[in-house]
C-alpha atoms as a PDB file:
ATOM      1  CA  UNK A   1       0.048  -0.101   0.217  1.00  0.00           C
ATOM      2  CA  UNK A   2       1.154   3.478  -0.717  1.00  0.00           C
ATOM      3  CA  UNK A   3       0.374   6.161   1.346  1.00  0.00           C
ATOM      4  CA  UNK A   4      -1.127   9.949   0.439  1.00  0.00           C
ATOM      5  CA  UNK A   5       0.051  11.480   2.586  1.00  0.00           C
ATOM      6  CA  UNK A   6       4.158  11.601   4.405  1.00  0.00           C
ATOM      7  CA  UNK A   7       4.247  13.942   8.268  1.00  0.00           C
ATOM      8  CA  UNK A   8       5.726  16.826   6.382  1.00  0.00           C
ATOM      9  CA  UNK A   9       2.522  17.283   5.077  1.00  0.00           C
ATOM     10  CA  UNK A  10       0.267  17.201   8.372  1.00  0.00           C
ATOM     11  CA  UNK A  11       2.899  19.215   9.657  1.00  0.00           C
ATOM     12  CA  UNK A  12       1.973  22.016   6.403  1.00  0.00           C
ATOM     13  CA  UNK A  13      -1.385  21.425   7.059  1.00  0.00           C
ATOM     14  CA  UNK A  14      -1.621  21.911  10.515  1.00  0.00           C
ATOM     15  CA  UNK A  15       1.139  22.523  12.118  1.00  0.00           C
ATOM     16  CA  UNK A  16       4.489  20.632  14.024  1.00  0.00           C
ATOM     17  CA  UNK A  17       2.573  22.276  17.275  1.00  0.00           C
ATOM     18  CA  UNK A  18      -0.751  20.549  16.426  1.00  0.00           C
ATOM     19  CA  UNK A  19       0.579  17.306  15.465  1.00  0.00           C
ATOM     20  CA  UNK A  20       2.522  16.962  18.496  1.00  0.00           C
ATOM     21  CA  UNK A  21      -0.428  17.445  20.157  1.00  0.00           C
ATOM     22  CA  UNK A  22      -2.404  14.903  18.899  1.00  0.00           C
ATOM     23  CA  UNK A  23       0.492  12.381  18.167  1.00  0.00           C
ATOM     24  CA  UNK A  24       2.087  12.682  21.442  1.00  0.00           C
ATOM     25  CA  UNK A  25       0.920  10.047  24.094  1.00  0.00           C
ATOM     26  CA  UNK A  26       4.228   9.974  26.750  1.00  0.00           C
ATOM     27  CA  UNK A  27       3.737  13.673  27.264  1.00  0.00           C
ATOM     28  CA  UNK A  28       7.314  14.300  26.031  1.00  0.00           C
ATOM     29  CA  UNK A  29       6.156  17.513  24.159  1.00  0.00           C
ATOM     30  CA  UNK A  30       7.361  16.167  21.005  1.00  0.00           C
ATOM     31  CA  UNK A  31       5.996  14.334  17.866  1.00  0.00           C
ATOM     32  CA  UNK A  32       6.113  10.338  18.269  1.00  0.00           C
ATOM     33  CA  UNK A  33       6.572   9.386  14.457  1.00  0.00           C
ATOM     34  CA  UNK A  34       5.608   5.706  15.072  1.00  0.00           C
ATOM     35  CA  UNK A  35       1.959   7.006  16.439  1.00  0.00           C
ATOM     36  CA  UNK A  36       1.706   9.282  12.808  1.00  0.00           C
ATOM     37  CA  UNK A  37       2.695   6.678  10.849  1.00  0.00           C
ATOM     38  CA  UNK A  38       0.104   4.067  12.270  1.00  0.00           C
ATOM     39  CA  UNK A  39      -2.512   7.127  11.378  1.00  0.00           C
ATOM     40  CA  UNK A  40      -1.016   7.745   7.757  1.00  0.00           C
ATOM     41  CA  UNK A  41      -1.595   3.821   6.775  1.00  0.00           C
ATOM     42  CA  UNK A  42      -4.786   3.488   8.419  1.00  0.00           C
ATOM     43  CA  UNK A  43      -6.141   6.454   6.940  1.00  0.00           C
ATOM     44  CA  UNK A  44      -5.128   5.568   3.607  1.00  0.00           C
ATOM     45  CA  UNK A  45      -6.343   1.898   4.119  1.00  0.00           C
ATOM     46  CA  UNK A  46      -9.981   3.509   4.677  1.00  0.00           C
ATOM     47  CA  UNK A  47      -9.852   6.216   1.986  1.00  0.00           C
ATOM     48  CA  UNK A  48      -8.602   2.361  -0.172  1.00  0.00           C
ATOM     49  CA  UNK A  49     -12.011   0.394   0.707  1.00  0.00           C
ATOM     50  CA  UNK A  50     -13.549   3.556  -0.970  1.00  0.00           C
ATOM     51  CA  UNK A  51     -11.420   4.027  -4.056  1.00  0.00           C
ATOM     52  CA  UNK A  52     -11.518   0.163  -4.258  1.00  0.00           C
ATOM     53  CA  UNK A  53     -14.934  -0.659  -5.411  1.00  0.00           C
ATOM     54  CA  UNK A  54     -13.692   2.241  -8.236  1.00  0.00           C
ATOM     55  CA  UNK A  55     -10.054   2.683  -9.373  1.00  0.00           C
ATOM     56  CA  UNK A  56      -7.340  -0.215 -10.000  1.00  0.00           C
ATOM     57  CA  UNK A  57      -5.497   0.554  -6.846  1.00  0.00           C
ATOM     58  CA  UNK A  58      -2.489   1.996  -6.087  1.00  0.00           C
ATOM     59  CA  UNK A  59      -3.611   4.826  -7.936  1.00  0.00           C
ATOM     60  CA  UNK A  60      -0.925   6.406 -10.876  1.00  0.00           C
ATOM     61  CA  UNK A  61      -1.129   9.451 -10.181  1.00  0.00           C
ATOM     62  CA  UNK A  62      -2.203  10.863  -6.599  1.00  0.00           C
ATOM     63  CA  UNK A  63      -4.982  13.810  -6.601  1.00  0.00           C
ATOM     64  CA  UNK A  64      -4.685  16.769  -4.609  1.00  0.00           C
ATOM     65  CA  UNK A  65      -7.747  16.140  -3.144  1.00  0.00           C
ATOM     66  CA  UNK A  66      -6.977  12.813  -1.267  1.00  0.00           C
ATOM     67  CA  UNK A  67      -3.110  13.785  -0.263  1.00  0.00           C
ATOM     68  CA  UNK A  68      -5.830  16.349   1.452  1.00  0.00           C
ATOM     69  CA  UNK A  69      -8.350  13.992   2.495  1.00  0.00           C
ATOM     70  CA  UNK A  70      -5.461  11.771   4.320  1.00  0.00           C
ATOM     71  CA  UNK A  71      -4.453  14.693   6.216  1.00  0.00           C
ATOM     72  CA  UNK A  72      -8.193  15.033   7.696  1.00  0.00           C
ATOM     73  CA  UNK A  73      -8.868  10.935   8.563  1.00  0.00           C
ATOM     74  CA  UNK A  74      -5.062  10.418  10.128  1.00  0.00           C
ATOM     75  CA  UNK A  75      -5.757  13.838  11.819  1.00  0.00           C
ATOM     76  CA  UNK A  76      -8.427  13.220  13.138  1.00  0.00           C
ATOM     77  CA  UNK A  77      -7.752   9.645  13.977  1.00  0.00           C
ATOM     78  CA  UNK A  78      -4.716  10.503  16.672  1.00  0.00           C
ATOM     79  CA  UNK A  79      -7.036  12.627  17.740  1.00  0.00           C
ATOM     80  CA  UNK A  80      -9.511  10.745  18.666  1.00  0.00           C
ATOM     81  CA  UNK A  81      -7.573   8.218  20.111  1.00  0.00           C
ATOM     82  CA  UNK A  82      -5.421  11.225  22.771  1.00  0.00           C
ATOM     83  CA  UNK A  83      -8.650  12.641  23.587  1.00  0.00           C
ATOM     84  CA  UNK A  84      -7.850  16.220  21.597  1.00  0.00           C
ATOM     85  CA  UNK A  85     -11.033  15.629  19.536  1.00  0.00           C
ATOM     86  CA  UNK A  86     -12.326  19.220  18.963  1.00  0.00           C
ATOM     87  CA  UNK A  87     -15.843  19.862  16.681  1.00  0.00           C
ATOM     88  CA  UNK A  88     -13.595  20.488  13.969  1.00  0.00           C
ATOM     89  CA  UNK A  89     -11.534  17.643  13.558  1.00  0.00           C
ATOM     90  CA  UNK A  90     -14.681  15.307  13.330  1.00  0.00           C
ATOM     91  CA  UNK A  91     -16.785  17.798  11.301  1.00  0.00           C
ATOM     92  CA  UNK A  92     -13.134  17.076   8.677  1.00  0.00           C
ATOM     93  CA  UNK A  93     -13.586  13.497   9.144  1.00  0.00           C
ATOM     94  CA  UNK A  94     -17.089  13.914   7.920  1.00  0.00           C
ATOM     95  CA  UNK A  95     -17.293  15.874   5.372  1.00  0.00           C
ATOM     96  CA  UNK A  96     -14.521  13.735   4.583  1.00  0.00           C
ATOM     97  CA  UNK A  97     -15.922   9.941   4.482  1.00  0.00           C
ATOM     98  CA  UNK A  98     -19.305  11.912   2.978  1.00  0.00           C
ATOM     99  CA  UNK A  99     -17.158  12.744  -0.434  1.00  0.00           C
ATOM    100  CA  UNK A 100     -15.286   9.324  -0.826  1.00  0.00           C
ATOM    101  CA  UNK A 101     -18.910   7.715  -0.471  1.00  0.00           C
ATOM    102  CA  UNK A 102     -19.421   9.970  -3.464  1.00  0.00           C
ATOM    103  CA  UNK A 103     -17.133   8.783  -4.944  1.00  0.00           C
ATOM    104  CA  UNK A 104     -17.760   5.408  -4.608  1.00  0.00           C
ATOM    105  CA  UNK A 105     -21.168   5.553  -5.224  1.00  0.00           C
ATOM    106  CA  UNK A 106     -20.078   7.578  -8.584  1.00  0.00           C
ATOM    107  CA  UNK A 107     -21.698  10.251  -7.546  1.00  0.00           C
ATOM    108  CA  UNK A 108     -18.077  11.926  -8.236  1.00  0.00           C
ATOM    109  CA  UNK A 109     -15.018  10.877  -9.669  1.00  0.00           C
ATOM    110  CA  UNK A 110     -11.438  12.338  -8.682  1.00  0.00           C
ATOM    111  CA  UNK A 111     -10.724  14.123 -11.703  1.00  0.00           C
ATOM    112  CA  UNK A 112      -8.067  11.492 -13.379  1.00  0.00           C
ATOM    113  CA  UNK A 113      -7.431  10.139 -16.868  1.00  0.00           C
ATOM    114  CA  UNK A 114      -9.811   7.118 -18.116  1.00  0.00           C
ATOM    115  CA  UNK A 115      -6.829   4.657 -17.943  1.00  0.00           C
ATOM    116  CA  UNK A 116      -6.356   5.437 -14.439  1.00  0.00           C
ATOM    117  CA  UNK A 117     -10.172   4.200 -13.829  1.00  0.00           C
ATOM    118  CA  UNK A 118     -12.500   0.997 -14.037  1.00  0.00           C
ATOM    119  CA  UNK A 119     -15.885   1.695 -13.480  1.00  0.00           C
ATOM    120  CA  UNK A 120     -17.265  -1.495 -13.122  1.00  0.00           C
ATOM    121  CA  UNK A 121     -20.624  -1.109 -14.726  1.00  0.00           C
ATOM    122  CA  UNK A 122     -18.930  -0.354 -18.250  1.00  0.00           C
ATOM    123  CA  UNK A 123     -16.844  -3.233 -20.217  1.00  0.00           C
ATOM    124  CA  UNK A 124     -13.673  -2.561 -20.815  1.00  0.00           C
ATOM    125  CA  UNK A 125     -13.336  -1.784 -24.406  1.00  0.00           C
ATOM    126  CA  UNK A 126     -10.114  -2.314 -26.660  1.00  0.00           C
ATOM    127  CA  UNK A 127      -8.708  -2.699 -30.076  1.00  0.00           C
ATOM    128  CA  UNK A 128      -5.527  -3.860 -31.201  1.00  0.00           C
ATOM    129  CA  UNK A 129      -6.535  -3.534 -34.445  1.00  0.00           C
ATOM    130  CA  UNK A 130      -6.189  -0.768 -36.780  1.00  0.00           C
ATOM    131  CA  UNK A 131      -8.191  -2.209 -39.784  1.00  0.00           C
ATOM    132  CA  UNK A 132     -12.743  -0.616 -38.857  1.00  0.00           C
ATOM    133  CA  UNK A 133     -14.702  -3.472 -38.387  1.00  0.00           C
ATOM    134  CA  UNK A 134     -17.699  -1.629 -39.091  1.00  0.00           C
ATOM    135  CA  UNK A 135     -18.167   0.982 -40.868  1.00  0.00           C
ATOM    136  CA  UNK A 136     -20.960   2.689 -43.705  1.00  0.00           C
ATOM    137  CA  UNK A 137     -19.729   0.415 -46.580  1.00  0.00           C
ATOM    138  CA  UNK A 138     -20.117  -2.864 -44.929  1.00  0.00           C
ATOM    139  CA  UNK A 139     -23.381  -2.545 -43.517  1.00  0.00           C
ATOM    140  CA  UNK A 140     -24.989  -1.300 -46.452  1.00  0.00           C
ATOM    141  CA  UNK A 141     -27.619  -3.341 -47.231  1.00  0.00           C
ATOM    142  CA  UNK A 142     -28.339  -4.521 -43.317  1.00  0.00           C
ATOM    143  CA  UNK A 143     -29.320  -1.024 -41.774  1.00  0.00           C
END
């Protein structure tokens, strides 16, 4: 599994102090990288559980929105584990899940190139033959 973010993404989005508060289980006043790594892995797996219904994973290109959602989910998970959960963190998480649900239901997409997406409802068509199998002249008189 390829993670959608790294620790620096969390620190950039929320600030180092906020990440210390969310990850410091031992009261050392420092970032606990193992807590952050686990939160990132969990957030990525949660996102993948929605995307796997519609996309081949791992994605060839990671859209910026997935990085943002992964940050929100990881931050929520770290905060809920240590008891520093706020309404804003909960709202960000709920919004992320709502968006991922819409992707899974094919209401919205990731904005990826067509070859990154695989729809389960639409048959995949490919052609290795340059000659057209059907044309107006070949079907003349049949329609």
